[in-house]
Amino acid sequence: MSEENILDVTVLEPREKHPSIFSRFNDLEKGESFVIYNDHDPRPLYYQMQAEIPDAFGWEYLEEGPQFFQVKITRLAEGSLGFGGGCCS
């Protein structure tokens, strides 16, 4: 996977993490994906996405800690994520 498809959220302020991920997801075409790289399990993000767009995304752990986590997020269908709050704001 090329570097432009990786979003390293460890370098972002906590309040910027979810909006940055949502923006990247909203820009995807059906079938496209990107990887988030984080220093903690982004499971709360999964639940937030599941609540907003339950059938529109795929979620695949590529690395599951304990120090770093990588998750591949794929757009499966139409749907947009809002930019309000999150676990890390």
C-alpha atoms as a PDB file:
ATOM      1  CA  MET A   1       0.000   0.000   0.000  1.00  0.00           C
ATOM      2  CA  SER A   2       1.406   3.385  -0.925  1.00  0.00           C
ATOM      3  CA  GLU A   3       2.115   6.032   1.689  1.00  0.00           C
ATOM      4  CA  GLU A   4      -0.613   8.380   0.461  1.00  0.00           C
ATOM      5  CA  ASN A   5      -3.127   5.745   1.574  1.00  0.00           C
ATOM      6  CA  ILE A   6      -1.858   5.775   5.174  1.00  0.00           C
ATOM      7  CA  LEU A   7      -3.144   8.287   7.708  1.00  0.00           C
ATOM      8  CA  ASP A   8      -0.812   8.494  10.717  1.00  0.00           C
ATOM      9  CA  VAL A   9      -3.090   9.839  13.427  1.00  0.00           C
ATOM     10  CA  THR A  10      -0.341   9.663  16.064  1.00  0.00           C
ATOM     11  CA  VAL A  11       0.912  13.033  14.827  1.00  0.00           C
ATOM     12  CA  LEU A  12      -2.511  14.731  15.088  1.00  0.00           C
ATOM     13  CA  GLU A  13      -4.014  16.567  18.038  1.00  0.00           C
ATOM     14  CA  PRO A  14      -6.660  14.359  19.696  1.00  0.00           C
ATOM     15  CA  ARG A  15      -9.502  16.670  18.596  1.00  0.00           C
ATOM     16  CA  GLU A  16      -8.320  16.410  14.958  1.00  0.00           C
ATOM     17  CA  LYS A  17      -8.167  12.601  14.763  1.00  0.00           C
ATOM     18  CA  HIS A  18     -11.775  11.648  14.049  1.00  0.00           C
ATOM     19  CA  PRO A  19     -12.505  14.612  11.729  1.00  0.00           C
ATOM     20  CA  SER A  20      -9.356  13.762   9.729  1.00  0.00           C
ATOM     21  CA  ILE A  21     -10.361  10.114   9.454  1.00  0.00           C
ATOM     22  CA  PHE A  22     -13.937  11.040   8.510  1.00  0.00           C
ATOM     23  CA  SER A  23     -12.731  13.452   5.844  1.00  0.00           C
ATOM     24  CA  ARG A  24     -10.433  10.827   4.343  1.00  0.00           C
ATOM     25  CA  PHE A  25     -13.250   8.263   4.357  1.00  0.00           C
ATOM     26  CA  ASN A  26     -15.767  10.691   2.830  1.00  0.00           C
ATOM     27  CA  ASP A  27     -13.353  11.298  -0.065  1.00  0.00           C
ATOM     28  CA  LEU A  28     -13.151   7.593  -0.957  1.00  0.00           C
ATOM     29  CA  GLU A  29     -14.906   6.091  -3.954  1.00  0.00           C
ATOM     30  CA  LYS A  30     -16.657   2.741  -3.530  1.00  0.00           C
ATOM     31  CA  GLY A  31     -14.008   0.019  -3.279  1.00  0.00           C
ATOM     32  CA  GLU A  32     -11.193   2.384  -2.244  1.00  0.00           C
ATOM     33  CA  SER A  33      -9.517   2.163   1.140  1.00  0.00           C
ATOM     34  CA  PHE A  34      -6.938   3.740   3.408  1.00  0.00           C
ATOM     35  CA  VAL A  35      -5.077   2.657   6.528  1.00  0.00           C
ATOM     36  CA  ILE A  36      -5.098   4.464   9.839  1.00  0.00           C
ATOM     37  CA  TYR A  37      -1.986   4.138  11.980  1.00  0.00           C
ATOM     38  CA  ASN A  38      -2.579   4.752  15.681  1.00  0.00           C
ATOM     39  CA  ASP A  39      -0.961   4.255  19.079  1.00  0.00           C
ATOM     40  CA  HIS A  40      -4.119   2.815  20.662  1.00  0.00           C
ATOM     41  CA  ASP A  41      -6.934   0.527  19.572  1.00  0.00           C
ATOM     42  CA  PRO A  42      -9.346   2.643  17.496  1.00  0.00           C
ATOM     43  CA  ARG A  43     -12.327   0.454  18.465  1.00  0.00           C
ATOM     44  CA  PRO A  44     -14.399   3.517  19.630  1.00  0.00           C
ATOM     45  CA  LEU A  45     -14.011   4.887  16.088  1.00  0.00           C
ATOM     46  CA  TYR A  46     -15.409   1.621  14.737  1.00  0.00           C
ATOM     47  CA  TYR A  47     -18.479   1.932  16.963  1.00  0.00           C
ATOM     48  CA  GLN A  48     -19.000   5.553  15.929  1.00  0.00           C
ATOM     49  CA  MET A  49     -18.803   4.630  12.244  1.00  0.00           C
ATOM     50  CA  GLN A  50     -21.062   1.623  12.830  1.00  0.00           C
ATOM     51  CA  ALA A  51     -23.680   3.914  14.386  1.00  0.00           C
ATOM     52  CA  GLU A  52     -23.571   6.437  11.515  1.00  0.00           C
ATOM     53  CA  ILE A  53     -23.007   4.316   8.391  1.00  0.00           C
ATOM     54  CA  PRO A  54     -23.324   0.643   9.394  1.00  0.00           C
ATOM     55  CA  ASP A  55     -23.182  -0.942   5.926  1.00  0.00           C
ATOM     56  CA  ALA A  56     -20.932   1.563   4.169  1.00  0.00           C
ATOM     57  CA  PHE A  57     -17.483   0.531   5.407  1.00  0.00           C
ATOM     58  CA  GLY A  58     -15.183  -2.405   5.917  1.00  0.00           C
ATOM     59  CA  TRP A  59     -12.821  -2.626   8.907  1.00  0.00           C
ATOM     60  CA  GLU A  60      -9.744  -4.856   8.911  1.00  0.00           C
ATOM     61  CA  TYR A  61      -6.996  -4.908  11.514  1.00  0.00           C
ATOM     62  CA  LEU A  62      -3.564  -5.149   9.891  1.00  0.00           C
ATOM     63  CA  GLU A  63      -1.696  -4.718  13.194  1.00  0.00           C
ATOM     64  CA  GLU A  64      -3.282  -5.136  16.634  1.00  0.00           C
ATOM     65  CA  GLY A  65      -0.902  -3.635  19.144  1.00  0.00           C
ATOM     66  CA  PRO A  66       0.192  -3.721  21.748  1.00  0.00           C
ATOM     67  CA  GLN A  67       2.123  -0.569  20.838  1.00  0.00           C
ATOM     68  CA  PHE A  68       0.664   0.334  17.433  1.00  0.00           C
ATOM     69  CA  PHE A  69      -2.510  -0.422  15.542  1.00  0.00           C
ATOM     70  CA  GLN A  70      -3.162  -0.317  11.819  1.00  0.00           C
ATOM     71  CA  VAL A  71      -6.688  -0.616  10.457  1.00  0.00           C
ATOM     72  CA  LYS A  72      -7.664  -0.747   6.813  1.00  0.00           C
ATOM     73  CA  ILE A  73     -10.959   1.072   6.232  1.00  0.00           C
ATOM     74  CA  THR A  74     -12.714   0.449   2.921  1.00  0.00           C
ATOM     75  CA  ARG A  75     -15.735   2.217   1.449  1.00  0.00           C
ATOM     76  CA  LEU A  76     -18.349  -0.400   0.597  1.00  0.00           C
ATOM     77  CA  ALA A  77     -21.347   1.840  -0.141  1.00  0.00           C
ATOM     78  CA  GLU A  78     -22.607   5.415  -0.121  1.00  0.00           C
ATOM     79  CA  GLY A  79     -22.715   7.252   3.199  1.00  0.00           C
ATOM     80  CA  SER A  80     -20.957  10.164   4.823  1.00  0.00           C
ATOM     81  CA  LEU A  81     -19.594  10.631   8.288  1.00  0.00           C
ATOM     82  CA  GLY A  82     -20.304  13.760  10.315  1.00  0.00           C
ATOM     83  CA  PHE A  83     -17.609  15.713  12.059  1.00  0.00           C
ATOM     84  CA  GLY A  84     -18.984  15.999  15.577  1.00  0.00           C
ATOM     85  CA  GLY A  85     -17.001  14.830  18.599  1.00  0.00           C
ATOM     86  CA  GLY A  86     -15.459  11.471  19.173  1.00  0.00           C
ATOM     87  CA  CYS A  87     -13.676   9.443  21.807  1.00  0.00           C
ATOM     88  CA  CYS A  88     -10.533  11.507  21.543  1.00  0.00           C
ATOM     89  CA  SER A  89     -11.833  15.088  21.516  1.00  0.00           C
END
